[in-house]
Amino acid sequence: MTNIELIKKLLKRLKKYSWIILIIGLGFGVLFYFIARQSVVNYTAKSTVFPLNSTSDNTISTSAISNILGLSDAPKSFTAEAAINIVELAFSRRTREAVASAKVPSLKNKTIAELLVEEYNRHTGFMQNEPIKGPLDSATLMNIGSDMLYGAFNAKINKNGILELYFTNSNTDLVRAVSYIYIDKISEFYIDLKKKKAQIDFEFAVKKADSLKLVLDKLDEKKIQLNESTFFTNQELDRYSLPKINLENDKQTVQSQYYYAVNNREAAAYKLQKETPIIEALDKPEGPYIPSAKNPKVYAIIGLLLGLVIGAILISWKVISQYVGAELNKAIEKASQPKEPATPKA
């Protein structure tokens, strides 16, 4: 069978059984349409968060303007003082467990973990989720809720240094509640971190100033003792004058450090009392939310085309197998024929 004969037979067979190919294509189209209709419509809430900190200068620096305009690299951490990556904080297990354990009064006062499991079990069946069977203890429920939050939550820092939070779920009420709780938990941690840092700085400054004050008192006591022990002596002798000179030098050195420590203590006290970090949501997670779902029409077209291709292959398989078999037999016969002896050269 030549290639032309093969093509003619294929076209003839495809034309003869075109109705079967069409039925297979329609079957795949209906199947893919059903799969797409079975998919769950998810909604994504976007919120942006920005830190508002009190500063000694109300003017905006050039670097801040550059960050706002996107002319320089965004900071890797939320602020210069908080030595923690805010994105890692958002994805951390501590934050996720705090969110999962939070209760929502507007949703029957249930925890986020319980609501996530209930919403997950609402969409079970063919080509959907496997149900999570209960009852679940609190530890297991928190672990499941934390894992669900990790898969449905995303956070990133944009080029302007603003934190963007995304949460996706099939329940719009749950999307809104989780987004707000995420902002609150991140804000609480950030504010606690700032307060702890200011408190540690203040305590260190106080201890430093107190320790230097004790050193100054000791030096003064030593100076008094030297004065009281050198009555009726020649003050010009080195053994009497050098200790006093060295003692005076030491006191001047410690006194200058004490002045700096007092200034640092006052600055730390002012910072502890005055600075109040605030986390402000620029874009609140309110609707309308961004829906995402499989398009049934697109899936139906894809299924139809795939079914037509599979049907054409199945219908043509008999002709193709005959052609391949005939070619293999020809090759075997040709290989089994004895080779002609070579004629000797004259």
Protein backbone atom coordinates (compact mmCIF):
# COMPACT_ATOMS: atom_id res chain seq x y z
CA MET A 1 0.00 0.00 0.00
CA THR A 2 1.42 3.31 -1.08
CA ASN A 3 1.11 6.57 0.84
CA ILE A 4 -1.53 7.86 -1.59
CA GLU A 5 -3.60 4.70 -1.15
CA LEU A 6 -3.27 5.07 2.63
CA ILE A 7 -4.54 8.66 2.54
CA LYS A 8 -7.48 7.67 0.30
CA LYS A 9 -8.49 4.84 2.63
CA LEU A 10 -8.20 7.10 5.68
CA LEU A 11 -10.38 9.80 4.11
CA LYS A 12 -12.94 7.19 2.97
CA ARG A 13 -13.11 5.64 6.44
CA LEU A 14 -13.32 8.99 8.19
CA LYS A 15 -16.13 10.06 5.88
CA LYS A 16 -17.98 6.80 6.39
CA TYR A 17 -17.84 6.95 10.21
CA SER A 18 -17.94 10.72 10.60
CA TRP A 19 -21.13 10.44 12.66
CA ILE A 20 -19.28 8.30 15.25
CA ILE A 21 -16.48 10.86 15.43
CA LEU A 22 -19.04 13.61 15.93
CA ILE A 23 -20.74 11.68 18.73
CA ILE A 24 -17.40 11.13 20.49
CA GLY A 25 -16.56 14.82 20.13
CA LEU A 26 -19.96 15.87 21.50
CA GLY A 27 -19.54 13.40 24.38
CA PHE A 28 -16.18 14.90 25.35
CA GLY A 29 -17.62 18.40 24.99
CA VAL A 30 -20.51 17.60 27.35
CA LEU A 31 -18.11 15.96 29.81
CA PHE A 32 -15.77 18.95 29.86
CA TYR A 33 -18.74 21.32 30.16
CA PHE A 34 -19.99 19.37 33.17
CA ILE A 35 -16.53 19.44 34.76
CA ALA A 36 -16.34 23.21 34.28
CA ARG A 37 -19.81 23.69 35.76
CA GLN A 38 -18.76 21.60 38.74
CA SER A 39 -15.89 23.97 39.50
CA VAL A 40 -16.28 26.37 42.39
CA VAL A 41 -16.35 30.12 41.81
CA ASN A 42 -13.67 31.69 44.01
CA TYR A 43 -13.49 35.34 45.02
CA THR A 44 -10.28 37.22 45.76
CA ALA A 45 -10.11 40.24 48.06
CA LYS A 46 -7.20 42.66 47.76
CA SER A 47 -6.16 45.02 50.53
CA THR A 48 -3.15 47.31 50.84
CA VAL A 49 -1.56 48.19 54.17
CA PHE A 50 0.74 51.10 54.96
CA PRO A 51 2.54 52.01 58.23
CA LEU A 52 2.03 55.49 59.71
CA ASN A 53 4.79 56.35 62.21
CA SER A 54 5.34 59.53 64.19
CA THR A 55 8.59 61.23 63.25
CA SER A 56 10.51 64.20 64.54
CA ASP A 57 10.45 65.75 61.10
CA ASN A 58 7.20 66.31 59.25
CA THR A 59 8.90 66.74 55.91
CA ILE A 60 9.20 63.93 53.41
CA SER A 61 12.72 62.90 52.61
CA THR A 62 14.01 62.44 49.11
CA SER A 63 14.40 58.71 49.60
CA ALA A 64 10.77 58.42 50.74
CA ILE A 65 9.61 60.30 47.65
CA SER A 66 11.74 58.01 45.49
CA ASN A 67 10.13 54.97 47.09
CA ILE A 68 6.65 56.37 46.60
CA LEU A 69 7.33 57.15 42.95
CA GLY A 70 9.01 53.80 42.41
CA LEU A 71 12.34 55.38 41.47
CA SER A 72 14.35 53.29 43.92
CA ASP A 73 14.26 49.77 45.28
CA ALA A 74 11.53 49.06 47.78
CA PRO A 75 12.68 48.26 51.31
CA LYS A 76 13.00 44.59 52.14
CA SER A 77 11.39 45.06 55.54
CA PHE A 78 8.20 46.90 56.45
CA THR A 79 10.16 49.65 58.20
CA ALA A 80 13.79 50.31 58.94
CA GLU A 81 13.31 49.73 62.66
CA ALA A 82 11.33 46.52 62.56
CA ALA A 83 13.97 43.92 61.89
CA ILE A 84 11.52 41.47 60.40
CA ASN A 85 10.27 40.83 56.90
CA ILE A 86 6.58 41.65 56.92
CA VAL A 87 5.84 39.10 54.17
CA GLU A 88 7.41 36.34 56.26
CA LEU A 89 5.31 37.58 59.17
CA ALA A 90 2.14 37.31 57.07
CA PHE A 91 2.97 33.73 56.02
CA SER A 92 4.23 32.69 59.45
CA ARG A 93 2.49 29.92 61.34
CA ARG A 94 2.03 32.25 64.32
CA THR A 95 -0.06 34.67 62.26
CA ARG A 96 -2.04 31.94 60.51
CA GLU A 97 -2.92 30.21 63.77
CA ALA A 98 -3.95 33.53 65.30
CA VAL A 99 -6.25 34.17 62.32
CA ALA A 100 -7.61 30.60 62.34
CA SER A 101 -8.49 30.82 66.04
CA ALA A 102 -10.23 34.21 65.74
CA LYS A 103 -14.00 34.22 66.05
CA VAL A 104 -16.37 36.07 63.71
CA PRO A 105 -19.45 37.45 65.52
CA SER A 106 -21.30 38.09 62.24
CA LEU A 107 -20.94 34.41 61.26
CA LYS A 108 -22.50 32.74 64.33
CA ASN A 109 -19.40 33.50 66.41
CA LYS A 110 -17.54 30.61 64.85
CA THR A 111 -13.78 30.50 64.44
CA ILE A 112 -12.18 31.04 61.05
CA ALA A 113 -10.96 27.43 61.07
CA GLU A 114 -14.50 26.11 61.56
CA LEU A 115 -15.85 28.36 58.81
CA LEU A 116 -13.11 27.28 56.39
CA VAL A 117 -13.82 23.59 57.01
CA GLU A 118 -17.59 24.12 56.59
CA GLU A 119 -17.09 26.02 53.34
CA TYR A 120 -14.70 23.31 52.12
CA ASN A 121 -17.24 20.55 52.87
CA ARG A 122 -19.95 22.47 51.02
CA HIS A 123 -18.18 21.72 47.74
CA THR A 124 -17.61 17.95 47.81
CA GLY A 125 -18.47 15.37 45.20
CA PHE A 126 -17.38 14.40 41.70
CA MET A 127 -14.30 16.33 40.56
CA GLN A 128 -14.46 18.40 43.77
CA ASN A 129 -13.12 18.25 47.30
CA GLU A 130 -12.81 15.22 49.51
CA PRO A 131 -14.89 15.85 52.65
CA ILE A 132 -13.15 16.54 55.95
CA LYS A 133 -14.82 14.21 58.44
CA GLY A 134 -15.45 15.32 61.99
CA PRO A 135 -15.58 15.73 64.89
CA LEU A 136 -12.21 17.47 65.06
CA ASP A 137 -10.36 18.42 68.21
CA SER A 138 -9.18 22.01 68.60
CA ALA A 139 -5.53 21.27 67.75
CA THR A 140 -6.40 19.38 64.56
CA LEU A 141 -8.91 22.05 63.57
CA MET A 142 -6.30 24.79 64.02
CA ASN A 143 -3.78 22.84 61.91
CA ILE A 144 -6.29 22.31 59.10
CA GLY A 145 -7.38 25.95 59.21
CA SER A 146 -3.76 27.12 59.18
CA ASP A 147 -2.98 24.96 56.13
CA MET A 148 -6.08 26.26 54.31
CA LEU A 149 -5.08 29.84 55.01
CA TYR A 150 -1.58 29.19 53.68
CA GLY A 151 -2.97 27.88 50.39
CA ALA A 152 -5.53 30.65 49.92
CA PHE A 153 -3.49 33.63 51.17
CA ASN A 154 -0.82 35.67 49.44
CA ALA A 155 1.21 38.72 50.47
CA LYS A 156 3.80 40.82 48.70
CA ILE A 157 5.52 44.19 48.85
CA ASN A 158 4.93 46.31 45.77
CA LYS A 159 7.50 48.66 44.26
CA ASN A 160 6.31 51.52 46.50
CA GLY A 161 7.00 49.57 49.67
CA ILE A 162 3.30 49.01 50.45
CA LEU A 163 2.12 45.64 51.71
CA GLU A 164 -0.51 43.96 49.51
CA LEU A 165 -2.68 41.17 50.94
CA TYR A 166 -4.77 38.73 48.88
CA PHE A 167 -7.22 36.11 50.15
CA THR A 168 -9.29 33.75 48.01
CA ASN A 169 -12.35 31.72 48.98
CA SER A 170 -15.72 30.71 47.58
CA ASN A 171 -17.64 32.57 50.32
CA THR A 172 -17.56 36.35 50.03
CA ASP A 173 -18.47 36.85 53.70
CA LEU A 174 -15.55 34.65 54.71
CA VAL A 175 -13.25 36.48 52.30
CA ARG A 176 -14.10 39.80 53.93
CA ALA A 177 -13.81 38.50 57.50
CA VAL A 178 -10.48 36.75 57.00
CA SER A 179 -8.97 39.75 55.21
CA TYR A 180 -9.86 42.13 58.05
CA ILE A 181 -8.61 39.69 60.70
CA TYR A 182 -5.34 39.26 58.81
CA ILE A 183 -4.82 43.04 58.83
CA ASP A 184 -5.61 43.20 62.56
CA LYS A 185 -3.26 40.37 63.52
CA ILE A 186 -0.36 41.72 61.47
CA SER A 187 -0.98 45.18 62.94
CA GLU A 188 -1.01 43.83 66.50
CA PHE A 189 2.26 42.02 66.03
CA TYR A 190 3.89 45.02 64.39
CA ILE A 191 2.72 47.42 67.12
CA ASP A 192 3.84 45.02 69.87
CA LEU A 193 7.21 44.72 68.18
CA LYS A 194 7.62 48.51 68.08
CA LYS A 195 6.61 48.89 71.72
CA LYS A 196 8.92 46.11 72.87
CA LYS A 197 11.80 47.64 70.92
CA ALA A 198 11.18 51.07 72.48
CA GLN A 199 10.88 49.54 75.95
CA ILE A 200 14.15 47.62 75.53
CA ASP A 201 15.93 50.76 74.32
CA PHE A 202 14.59 52.75 77.28
CA GLU A 203 15.61 50.13 79.83
CA PHE A 204 19.08 49.87 78.33
CA ALA A 205 19.51 53.68 78.35
CA VAL A 206 18.41 53.88 82.00
CA LYS A 207 20.78 51.10 83.08
CA LYS A 208 23.63 52.69 81.13
CA ALA A 209 23.08 56.10 82.72
CA ASP A 210 22.73 54.60 86.21
CA SER A 211 25.91 52.56 85.86
CA LEU A 212 27.89 55.62 84.71
CA LYS A 213 26.44 57.63 87.62
CA LEU A 214 27.71 54.98 90.03
CA VAL A 215 31.16 55.17 88.46
CA LEU A 216 31.15 58.98 88.89
CA ASP A 217 30.15 58.60 92.54
CA LYS A 218 32.99 56.13 93.11
CA LEU A 219 35.47 58.51 91.49
CA ASP A 220 34.23 61.37 93.68
CA GLU A 221 34.63 59.22 96.79
CA LYS A 222 38.13 58.30 95.75
CA LYS A 223 38.98 61.95 95.13
CA ILE A 224 37.73 62.88 98.62
CA GLN A 225 39.79 60.09 100.14
CA LEU A 226 42.91 61.34 98.37
CA ASN A 227 42.32 64.87 99.59
CA GLU A 228 41.79 63.71 103.14
CA SER A 229 44.89 61.50 103.11
CA THR A 230 47.33 64.17 101.86
CA PHE A 231 47.19 66.67 104.74
CA PHE A 232 50.53 68.37 105.57
CA THR A 233 52.22 66.74 102.52
CA ASN A 234 54.08 68.17 99.60
CA GLN A 235 51.43 68.29 96.86
CA GLU A 236 54.07 68.71 94.17
CA LEU A 237 55.45 65.20 94.65
CA ASP A 238 54.48 62.85 91.83
CA ARG A 239 53.21 60.17 94.16
CA TYR A 240 50.60 62.65 95.42
CA SER A 241 49.90 64.66 92.26
CA LEU A 242 49.74 61.87 89.61
CA PRO A 243 46.84 59.91 91.20
CA LYS A 244 44.82 63.12 91.38
CA ILE A 245 45.59 63.98 87.75
CA ASN A 246 44.69 60.47 86.55
CA LEU A 247 41.56 60.49 88.65
CA GLU A 248 40.49 63.82 87.15
CA ASN A 249 41.07 62.52 83.61
CA ASP A 250 39.02 59.41 84.33
CA LYS A 251 36.23 61.51 85.73
CA GLN A 252 36.14 63.76 82.67
CA THR A 253 35.97 60.71 80.39
CA VAL A 254 33.17 59.05 82.36
CA GLN A 255 31.35 62.37 82.73
CA SER A 256 31.25 62.89 78.95
CA GLN A 257 29.87 59.36 78.52
CA TYR A 258 27.33 60.08 81.25
CA TYR A 259 26.08 63.15 79.41
CA TYR A 260 25.55 61.10 76.24
CA ALA A 261 23.82 58.37 78.24
CA VAL A 262 21.46 60.90 79.85
CA ASN A 263 20.59 62.30 76.42
CA ASN A 264 19.94 58.79 75.10
CA ARG A 265 17.80 58.01 78.14
CA GLU A 266 15.65 61.10 77.59
CA ALA A 267 15.33 60.32 73.89
CA ALA A 268 14.32 56.71 74.66
CA ALA A 269 11.79 57.92 77.23
CA TYR A 270 10.32 60.39 74.73
CA LYS A 271 10.12 57.68 72.08
CA LEU A 272 8.47 55.25 74.50
CA GLN A 273 5.85 57.81 75.52
CA LYS A 274 5.30 59.64 72.23
CA GLU A 275 5.65 57.21 69.38
CA THR A 276 2.48 55.32 68.53
CA PRO A 277 2.77 53.11 65.44
CA ILE A 278 -0.37 52.83 63.35
CA ILE A 279 -1.18 50.37 60.58
CA GLU A 280 -3.64 51.90 58.13
CA ALA A 281 -5.46 49.93 55.43
CA LEU A 282 -5.36 52.05 52.29
CA ASP A 283 -7.55 49.71 50.23
CA LYS A 284 -9.99 47.89 52.50
CA PRO A 285 -11.11 44.36 51.56
CA GLU A 286 -14.61 45.35 50.54
CA GLY A 287 -16.53 44.08 47.52
CA PRO A 288 -16.96 43.70 44.68
CA TYR A 289 -14.37 40.93 44.74
CA ILE A 290 -12.50 39.46 41.81
CA PRO A 291 -14.23 36.20 40.70
CA SER A 292 -12.30 33.35 39.16
CA ALA A 293 -13.87 30.19 37.70
CA LYS A 294 -13.57 27.84 34.76
CA ASN A 295 -15.43 29.02 31.66
CA PRO A 296 -17.88 26.23 30.67
CA LYS A 297 -18.04 27.35 27.02
CA VAL A 298 -14.26 27.32 26.62
CA TYR A 299 -14.03 23.91 28.28
CA ALA A 300 -16.82 22.57 26.05
CA ILE A 301 -14.98 23.71 22.91
CA ILE A 302 -11.74 22.17 24.16
CA GLY A 303 -13.56 18.91 24.96
CA LEU A 304 -15.24 18.89 21.53
CA LEU A 305 -11.92 19.34 19.69
CA LEU A 306 -10.21 16.74 21.85
CA GLY A 307 -13.06 14.29 21.28
CA LEU A 308 -12.93 14.79 17.51
CA VAL A 309 -9.18 14.10 17.48
CA ILE A 310 -9.57 10.98 19.65
CA GLY A 311 -12.51 9.77 17.56
CA ALA A 312 -10.57 10.25 14.31
CA ILE A 313 -7.63 8.30 15.74
CA LEU A 314 -9.89 5.44 16.89
CA ILE A 315 -11.70 5.22 13.55
CA SER A 316 -8.44 5.39 11.57
CA TRP A 317 -6.63 2.91 13.78
CA LYS A 318 -7.70 -0.15 11.74
CA VAL A 319 -6.35 1.29 8.47
CA ILE A 320 -3.19 2.56 10.13
CA SER A 321 -2.52 -0.81 11.81
CA GLN A 322 -3.00 -2.64 8.49
CA TYR A 323 -0.59 -0.26 6.79
CA VAL A 324 1.99 -0.64 9.55
CA GLY A 325 1.61 -4.44 9.50
CA ALA A 326 2.07 -4.59 5.74
CA GLU A 327 5.18 -2.44 5.91
CA LEU A 328 6.63 -4.60 8.68
CA ASN A 329 5.99 -7.79 6.66
CA LYS A 330 7.74 -6.24 3.67
CA ALA A 331 10.70 -5.32 5.78
CA ILE A 332 10.89 -8.82 7.29
CA GLU A 333 10.68 -10.52 3.89
CA LYS A 334 13.38 -8.27 2.52
CA ALA A 335 15.61 -8.97 5.47
CA SER A 336 15.07 -12.77 5.22
CA GLN A 337 16.05 -13.01 1.52
CA PRO A 338 19.59 -14.44 0.95
CA LYS A 339 22.11 -11.97 -0.19
CA GLU A 340 23.52 -12.44 -3.72
CA PRO A 341 27.21 -13.44 -3.79
CA ALA A 342 29.46 -10.66 -4.87
CA THR A 343 31.02 -11.16 -8.36
CA PRO A 344 34.81 -11.30 -8.32
CA LYS A 345 36.59 -8.45 -9.96
CA ALA A 346 38.50 -9.13 -13.16
